[in-house]
Amino acid sequence: MRRAPKALLCGTSPLLGHLVPVGCVEGPLPPDATGDGDTGNIHETSGTGDGGAGHVGSGGTEGDAGDAVGSAGTGGSDGGGCHETDPFAYLDALFAACEGCRVDFIAAHWYACDRPALEGYLGELKRYGRPIWLTELSCGDSADRSLEAQAAYMREAVPLLESDPDVFRYAWFSGRTDAIPDVDLLGASGELTPLGELHVSLPHAEGCSP
């Protein structure tokens, strides 16, 4: 974070912080160790601000440029050890320990494969009173992760996310990846996969063009 002010002056947007996964919330610090020094510690993924570069995390202090994002994501590890197995317990502890910290969004990942599970997860995230930034979602936790299953889930999930006023942004995982089968939106250079074609064909908010 000590290099962040220089990056902000260069027009960086957004600033990427540490990933906090569900299952085992890992990171360089436990939730009660945020906000040290004059820049704070950053714990999560992406944010963006209208008045400057966004910064992502739960430990951004008042007066920092851009927006701060708390997290309850899944997947990945930055090798800092397991601090909590429940993302909501982690966020509860973080907000309790970092009273007055600036957190403009709650960032999260989600890999369950049906609309009711997604609705329940979003409902839990809403208790923090911040817009939700679903930085990754796809069908990753089911025995059936076929193209047909991904397409069926996408048809359920996208209308829900588009219609929920508490969801600020969301992103399908992924453009191209080997982590989960049949989720790619991108095929050969300049081409969409069938799933990518479906994604851009689904209803989306006015002013948002594929």
C-alpha atoms as a PDB file:
ATOM      1  CA  MET A   1       0.000   0.000   0.000  1.00  0.00           C
ATOM      2  CA  ARG A   2       2.955   2.363   0.382  1.00  0.00           C
ATOM      3  CA  ARG A   3       3.118   2.607  -3.434  1.00  0.00           C
ATOM      4  CA  ALA A   4      -0.611   3.306  -3.766  1.00  0.00           C
ATOM      5  CA  PRO A   5      -0.446   7.152  -3.782  1.00  0.00           C
ATOM      6  CA  LYS A   6       1.918   7.098  -6.788  1.00  0.00           C
ATOM      7  CA  ALA A   7      -0.345   4.662  -8.615  1.00  0.00           C
ATOM      8  CA  LEU A   8      -3.373   6.853  -7.914  1.00  0.00           C
ATOM      9  CA  LEU A   9      -1.591   9.878  -9.367  1.00  0.00           C
ATOM     10  CA  CYS A  10      -0.969   7.859 -12.543  1.00  0.00           C
ATOM     11  CA  GLY A  11      -4.690   7.289 -12.954  1.00  0.00           C
ATOM     12  CA  THR A  12      -4.889   3.690 -11.781  1.00  0.00           C
ATOM     13  CA  SER A  13      -8.419   2.353 -11.459  1.00  0.00           C
ATOM     14  CA  PRO A  14      -9.078   0.057  -9.715  1.00  0.00           C
ATOM     15  CA  LEU A  15      -6.410  -0.966  -7.210  1.00  0.00           C
ATOM     16  CA  LEU A  16      -6.305  -4.711  -6.532  1.00  0.00           C
ATOM     17  CA  GLY A  17      -5.924  -5.937  -2.963  1.00  0.00           C
ATOM     18  CA  HIS A  18      -5.806  -9.337  -1.260  1.00  0.00           C
ATOM     19  CA  LEU A  19      -8.355 -12.054  -1.991  1.00  0.00           C
ATOM     20  CA  VAL A  20     -10.392 -13.342   0.942  1.00  0.00           C
ATOM     21  CA  PRO A  21     -11.906 -16.764   0.201  1.00  0.00           C
ATOM     22  CA  VAL A  22     -14.923 -18.516   1.648  1.00  0.00           C
ATOM     23  CA  GLY A  23     -14.177 -21.869   3.273  1.00  0.00           C
ATOM     24  CA  CYS A  24     -11.051 -20.525   4.878  1.00  0.00           C
ATOM     25  CA  VAL A  25     -10.764 -16.752   5.053  1.00  0.00           C
ATOM     26  CA  GLU A  26      -7.075 -16.255   4.415  1.00  0.00           C
ATOM     27  CA  GLY A  27      -5.014 -13.134   4.196  1.00  0.00           C
ATOM     28  CA  PRO A  28      -2.030 -11.318   5.590  1.00  0.00           C
ATOM     29  CA  LEU A  29      -4.013 -10.125   8.612  1.00  0.00           C
ATOM     30  CA  PRO A  30      -6.945 -11.223  10.766  1.00  0.00           C
ATOM     31  CA  PRO A  31      -9.997  -8.926  10.757  1.00  0.00           C
ATOM     32  CA  ASP A  32      -8.968  -7.093  13.932  1.00  0.00           C
ATOM     33  CA  ALA A  33      -5.649  -5.966  12.430  1.00  0.00           C
ATOM     34  CA  THR A  34      -6.942  -3.574   9.757  1.00  0.00           C
ATOM     35  CA  GLY A  35      -6.349   0.108   9.331  1.00  0.00           C
ATOM     36  CA  ASP A  36      -2.743   0.493  10.490  1.00  0.00           C
ATOM     37  CA  GLY A  37      -0.750   3.582   9.623  1.00  0.00           C
ATOM     38  CA  ASP A  38      -1.904   6.410   7.422  1.00  0.00           C
ATOM     39  CA  THR A  39      -3.059   4.343   4.429  1.00  0.00           C
ATOM     40  CA  GLY A  40      -4.770   1.361   6.027  1.00  0.00           C
ATOM     41  CA  ASN A  41      -4.452  -2.264   5.005  1.00  0.00           C
ATOM     42  CA  ILE A  42      -6.387  -3.632   2.066  1.00  0.00           C
ATOM     43  CA  HIS A  43      -8.080  -7.024   2.191  1.00  0.00           C
ATOM     44  CA  GLU A  44     -10.087  -7.600  -0.976  1.00  0.00           C
ATOM     45  CA  THR A  45     -10.795  -7.293  -4.615  1.00  0.00           C
ATOM     46  CA  SER A  46     -11.968  -4.626  -7.014  1.00  0.00           C
ATOM     47  CA  GLY A  47     -13.477  -1.178  -6.529  1.00  0.00           C
ATOM     48  CA  THR A  48     -13.857   1.930  -8.621  1.00  0.00           C
ATOM     49  CA  GLY A  49     -14.664   5.532  -7.799  1.00  0.00           C
ATOM     50  CA  ASP A  50     -16.285   8.362  -9.696  1.00  0.00           C
ATOM     51  CA  GLY A  51     -13.870  10.883  -8.254  1.00  0.00           C
ATOM     52  CA  GLY A  52     -10.614   8.994  -8.714  1.00  0.00           C
ATOM     53  CA  ALA A  53      -9.120   5.559  -8.655  1.00  0.00           C
ATOM     54  CA  GLY A  54     -10.999   3.037  -6.589  1.00  0.00           C
ATOM     55  CA  HIS A  55      -9.321   0.952  -3.944  1.00  0.00           C
ATOM     56  CA  VAL A  56     -10.489  -2.386  -2.766  1.00  0.00           C
ATOM     57  CA  GLY A  57     -10.518  -3.561   0.769  1.00  0.00           C
ATOM     58  CA  SER A  58     -12.034  -3.326   4.139  1.00  0.00           C
ATOM     59  CA  GLY A  59      -9.376  -1.315   5.898  1.00  0.00           C
ATOM     60  CA  GLY A  60      -9.362   1.897   3.877  1.00  0.00           C
ATOM     61  CA  THR A  61      -9.483   4.891   6.213  1.00  0.00           C
ATOM     62  CA  GLU A  62     -11.524   8.057   5.879  1.00  0.00           C
ATOM     63  CA  GLY A  63      -9.936  10.489   3.464  1.00  0.00           C
ATOM     64  CA  ASP A  64      -8.520   7.889   1.064  1.00  0.00           C
ATOM     65  CA  ALA A  65      -9.187   8.456  -2.630  1.00  0.00           C
ATOM     66  CA  GLY A  66     -11.834   6.481  -4.454  1.00  0.00           C
ATOM     67  CA  ASP A  67     -13.948   3.693  -2.995  1.00  0.00           C
ATOM     68  CA  ALA A  68     -13.233   0.922  -0.516  1.00  0.00           C
ATOM     69  CA  VAL A  69     -14.594  -2.586  -0.783  1.00  0.00           C
ATOM     70  CA  GLY A  70     -15.043  -5.134   1.992  1.00  0.00           C
ATOM     71  CA  SER A  71     -15.102  -8.785   1.049  1.00  0.00           C
ATOM     72  CA  ALA A  72     -16.728 -12.145   1.450  1.00  0.00           C
ATOM     73  CA  GLY A  73     -15.296 -13.852  -1.613  1.00  0.00           C
ATOM     74  CA  THR A  74     -14.486 -17.434  -2.511  1.00  0.00           C
ATOM     75  CA  GLY A  75     -11.550 -19.155  -4.112  1.00  0.00           C
ATOM     76  CA  GLY A  76      -7.837 -18.459  -4.209  1.00  0.00           C
ATOM     77  CA  SER A  77      -5.394 -17.806  -1.413  1.00  0.00           C
ATOM     78  CA  ASP A  78      -2.699 -15.280  -0.681  1.00  0.00           C
ATOM     79  CA  GLY A  79      -0.962 -17.577   1.754  1.00  0.00           C
ATOM     80  CA  GLY A  80      -1.563 -15.643   4.936  1.00  0.00           C
ATOM     81  CA  GLY A  81      -3.062 -18.454   7.000  1.00  0.00           C
ATOM     82  CA  CYS A  82      -6.623 -19.319   7.927  1.00  0.00           C
ATOM     83  CA  HIS A  83      -8.305 -16.635  10.032  1.00  0.00           C
ATOM     84  CA  GLU A  84     -11.964 -17.666   9.734  1.00  0.00           C
ATOM     85  CA  THR A  85     -14.069 -20.313   8.002  1.00  0.00           C
ATOM     86  CA  ASP A  86     -17.246 -18.202   7.875  1.00  0.00           C
ATOM     87  CA  PRO A  87     -17.031 -15.111   5.627  1.00  0.00           C
ATOM     88  CA  PHE A  88     -19.850 -13.397   7.503  1.00  0.00           C
ATOM     89  CA  ALA A  89     -18.147 -13.963  10.852  1.00  0.00           C
ATOM     90  CA  TYR A  90     -15.036 -12.438   9.304  1.00  0.00           C
ATOM     91  CA  LEU A  91     -16.902  -9.399   8.036  1.00  0.00           C
ATOM     92  CA  ASP A  92     -18.747  -8.984  11.340  1.00  0.00           C
ATOM     93  CA  ALA A  93     -15.428  -9.017  13.188  1.00  0.00           C
ATOM     94  CA  LEU A  94     -13.857  -6.670  10.680  1.00  0.00           C
ATOM     95  CA  PHE A  95     -16.599  -4.055  10.957  1.00  0.00           C
ATOM     96  CA  ALA A  96     -16.568  -4.347  14.754  1.00  0.00           C
ATOM     97  CA  ALA A  97     -12.791  -3.874  14.858  1.00  0.00           C
ATOM     98  CA  CYS A  98     -12.636  -1.150  12.233  1.00  0.00           C
ATOM     99  CA  GLU A  99     -15.402   1.216  13.277  1.00  0.00           C
ATOM    100  CA  GLY A 100     -15.340   4.311  11.087  1.00  0.00           C
ATOM    101  CA  CYS A 101     -13.347   2.664   8.306  1.00  0.00           C
ATOM    102  CA  ARG A 102     -14.522   3.555   4.841  1.00  0.00           C
ATOM    103  CA  VAL A 103     -16.162   0.624   3.054  1.00  0.00           C
ATOM    104  CA  ASP A 104     -18.256   1.622   0.042  1.00  0.00           C
ATOM    105  CA  PHE A 105     -18.992  -1.825  -1.398  1.00  0.00           C
ATOM    106  CA  ILE A 106     -19.063  -5.443  -0.273  1.00  0.00           C
ATOM    107  CA  ALA A 107     -17.242  -7.651  -2.779  1.00  0.00           C
ATOM    108  CA  ALA A 108     -18.036 -11.343  -2.999  1.00  0.00           C
ATOM    109  CA  HIS A 109     -17.681 -14.488  -5.091  1.00  0.00           C
ATOM    110  CA  TRP A 110     -20.335 -17.199  -5.463  1.00  0.00           C
ATOM    111  CA  TYR A 111     -20.140 -20.632  -7.078  1.00  0.00           C
ATOM    112  CA  ALA A 112     -23.332 -22.402  -6.054  1.00  0.00           C
ATOM    113  CA  CYS A 113     -25.508 -23.392  -8.986  1.00  0.00           C
ATOM    114  CA  ASP A 114     -29.092 -22.294  -8.381  1.00  0.00           C
ATOM    115  CA  ARG A 115     -31.041 -19.079  -7.966  1.00  0.00           C
ATOM    116  CA  PRO A 116     -32.386 -19.738  -4.419  1.00  0.00           C
ATOM    117  CA  ALA A 117     -28.848 -20.204  -3.091  1.00  0.00           C
ATOM    118  CA  LEU A 118     -27.722 -16.988  -4.800  1.00  0.00           C
ATOM    119  CA  GLU A 119     -30.717 -15.096  -3.416  1.00  0.00           C
ATOM    120  CA  GLY A 120     -29.921 -16.335   0.088  1.00  0.00           C
ATOM    121  CA  TYR A 121     -26.279 -15.306  -0.196  1.00  0.00           C
ATOM    122  CA  LEU A 122     -27.148 -11.837  -1.450  1.00  0.00           C
ATOM    123  CA  GLY A 123     -29.634 -11.494   1.399  1.00  0.00           C
ATOM    124  CA  GLU A 124     -26.906 -12.218   3.925  1.00  0.00           C
ATOM    125  CA  LEU A 125     -24.555  -9.699   2.298  1.00  0.00           C
ATOM    126  CA  LYS A 126     -27.213  -6.975   2.448  1.00  0.00           C
ATOM    127  CA  ARG A 127     -27.021  -6.825   6.225  1.00  0.00           C
ATOM    128  CA  TYR A 128     -23.861  -4.705   5.903  1.00  0.00           C
ATOM    129  CA  GLY A 129     -25.788  -1.916   4.227  1.00  0.00           C
ATOM    130  CA  ARG A 130     -23.402  -1.483   1.288  1.00  0.00           C
ATOM    131  CA  PRO A 131     -23.865  -2.078  -2.433  1.00  0.00           C
ATOM    132  CA  ILE A 132     -22.766  -5.572  -3.438  1.00  0.00           C
ATOM    133  CA  TRP A 133     -20.052  -6.195  -6.026  1.00  0.00           C
ATOM    134  CA  LEU A 134     -20.260  -9.853  -7.072  1.00  0.00           C
ATOM    135  CA  THR A 135     -16.798 -10.121  -8.595  1.00  0.00           C
ATOM    136  CA  GLU A 136     -17.107 -13.768  -9.651  1.00  0.00           C
ATOM    137  CA  LEU A 137     -19.966 -16.192 -10.170  1.00  0.00           C
ATOM    138  CA  SER A 138     -20.581 -19.384 -12.121  1.00  0.00           C
ATOM    139  CA  CYS A 139     -21.702 -22.945 -11.447  1.00  0.00           C
ATOM    140  CA  GLY A 140     -18.661 -24.400  -9.726  1.00  0.00           C
ATOM    141  CA  ASP A 141     -19.945 -26.385  -6.741  1.00  0.00           C
ATOM    142  CA  SER A 142     -22.245 -28.903  -8.418  1.00  0.00           C
ATOM    143  CA  ALA A 143     -21.496 -32.401  -9.693  1.00  0.00           C
ATOM    144  CA  ASP A 144     -23.010 -31.236 -12.981  1.00  0.00           C
ATOM    145  CA  ARG A 145     -20.923 -28.378 -14.330  1.00  0.00           C
ATOM    146  CA  SER A 146     -21.675 -29.034 -17.982  1.00  0.00           C
ATOM    147  CA  LEU A 147     -22.294 -26.336 -20.539  1.00  0.00           C
ATOM    148  CA  GLU A 148     -26.020 -26.993 -20.181  1.00  0.00           C
ATOM    149  CA  ALA A 149     -25.796 -26.512 -16.409  1.00  0.00           C
ATOM    150  CA  GLN A 150     -23.800 -23.287 -16.802  1.00  0.00           C
ATOM    151  CA  ALA A 151     -26.322 -21.927 -19.299  1.00  0.00           C
ATOM    152  CA  ALA A 152     -29.282 -22.846 -17.097  1.00  0.00           C
ATOM    153  CA  TYR A 153     -27.697 -21.139 -14.103  1.00  0.00           C
ATOM    154  CA  MET A 154     -26.796 -18.063 -16.123  1.00  0.00           C
ATOM    155  CA  ARG A 155     -30.418 -17.737 -17.258  1.00  0.00           C
ATOM    156  CA  GLU A 156     -31.501 -17.770 -13.601  1.00  0.00           C
ATOM    157  CA  ALA A 157     -28.738 -15.636 -12.126  1.00  0.00           C
ATOM    158  CA  VAL A 158     -28.415 -12.744 -14.562  1.00  0.00           C
ATOM    159  CA  PRO A 159     -32.051 -11.544 -14.363  1.00  0.00           C
ATOM    160  CA  LEU A 160     -31.851 -11.700 -10.566  1.00  0.00           C
ATOM    161  CA  LEU A 161     -28.655  -9.664 -10.458  1.00  0.00           C
ATOM    162  CA  GLU A 162     -29.895  -7.160 -13.029  1.00  0.00           C
ATOM    163  CA  SER A 163     -33.103  -6.538 -11.083  1.00  0.00           C
ATOM    164  CA  ASP A 164     -31.611  -6.283  -7.589  1.00  0.00           C
ATOM    165  CA  PRO A 165     -30.978  -2.612  -6.714  1.00  0.00           C
ATOM    166  CA  ASP A 166     -28.455  -3.643  -4.060  1.00  0.00           C
ATOM    167  CA  VAL A 167     -26.173  -5.307  -6.626  1.00  0.00           C
ATOM    168  CA  PHE A 168     -23.766  -2.661  -7.934  1.00  0.00           C
ATOM    169  CA  ARG A 169     -21.875  -4.894 -10.363  1.00  0.00           C
ATOM    170  CA  TYR A 170     -21.348  -8.543 -11.145  1.00  0.00           C
ATOM    171  CA  ALA A 171     -19.019 -10.579 -13.347  1.00  0.00           C
ATOM    172  CA  TRP A 172     -19.289 -14.101 -14.719  1.00  0.00           C
ATOM    173  CA  PHE A 173     -16.258 -16.307 -14.058  1.00  0.00           C
ATOM    174  CA  SER A 174     -14.589 -16.363 -16.469  1.00  0.00           C
ATOM    175  CA  GLY A 175     -13.523 -15.144 -19.867  1.00  0.00           C
ATOM    176  CA  ARG A 176     -11.137 -18.073 -20.185  1.00  0.00           C
ATOM    177  CA  THR A 177     -10.160 -20.459 -17.395  1.00  0.00           C
ATOM    178  CA  ASP A 178      -9.246 -24.079 -16.711  1.00  0.00           C
ATOM    179  CA  ALA A 179     -10.474 -23.856 -13.110  1.00  0.00           C
ATOM    180  CA  ILE A 180     -14.102 -24.786 -13.893  1.00  0.00           C
ATOM    181  CA  PRO A 181     -15.228 -26.636 -17.030  1.00  0.00           C
ATOM    182  CA  ASP A 182     -17.500 -25.053 -19.621  1.00  0.00           C
ATOM    183  CA  VAL A 183     -17.624 -21.546 -18.122  1.00  0.00           C
ATOM    184  CA  ASP A 184     -15.609 -19.677 -20.773  1.00  0.00           C
ATOM    185  CA  LEU A 185     -17.257 -16.679 -22.392  1.00  0.00           C
ATOM    186  CA  LEU A 186     -14.436 -16.148 -24.888  1.00  0.00           C
ATOM    187  CA  GLY A 187     -13.404 -18.535 -27.640  1.00  0.00           C
ATOM    188  CA  ALA A 188     -10.836 -17.833 -30.317  1.00  0.00           C
ATOM    189  CA  SER A 189      -9.601 -14.274 -30.737  1.00  0.00           C
ATOM    190  CA  GLY A 190     -12.549 -11.999 -31.432  1.00  0.00           C
ATOM    191  CA  GLU A 191     -15.129 -14.736 -30.884  1.00  0.00           C
ATOM    192  CA  LEU A 192     -17.621 -15.601 -28.169  1.00  0.00           C
ATOM    193  CA  THR A 193     -18.376 -19.120 -27.038  1.00  0.00           C
ATOM    194  CA  PRO A 194     -22.023 -20.266 -27.061  1.00  0.00           C
ATOM    195  CA  LEU A 195     -22.122 -19.349 -23.357  1.00  0.00           C
ATOM    196  CA  GLY A 196     -20.684 -15.934 -24.180  1.00  0.00           C
ATOM    197  CA  GLU A 197     -23.353 -15.436 -26.831  1.00  0.00           C
ATOM    198  CA  LEU A 198     -25.999 -16.312 -24.270  1.00  0.00           C
ATOM    199  CA  HIS A 199     -24.512 -13.883 -21.741  1.00  0.00           C
ATOM    200  CA  VAL A 200     -24.652 -10.891 -24.069  1.00  0.00           C
ATOM    201  CA  SER A 201     -28.138 -11.830 -25.266  1.00  0.00           C
ATOM    202  CA  LEU A 202     -29.705 -11.717 -21.808  1.00  0.00           C
ATOM    203  CA  PRO A 203     -31.535  -8.551 -20.698  1.00  0.00           C
ATOM    204  CA  HIS A 204     -29.265  -5.965 -19.141  1.00  0.00           C
ATOM    205  CA  ALA A 205     -29.610  -2.529 -17.636  1.00  0.00           C
ATOM    206  CA  GLU A 206     -30.103   0.475 -19.903  1.00  0.00           C
ATOM    207  CA  GLY A 207     -26.830   2.143 -20.744  1.00  0.00           C
ATOM    208  CA  CYS A 208     -24.921  -1.140 -20.423  1.00  0.00           C
ATOM    209  CA  SER A 209     -23.898  -2.415 -23.855  1.00  0.00           C
ATOM    210  CA  PRO A 210     -22.103  -5.723 -24.488  1.00  0.00           C
END
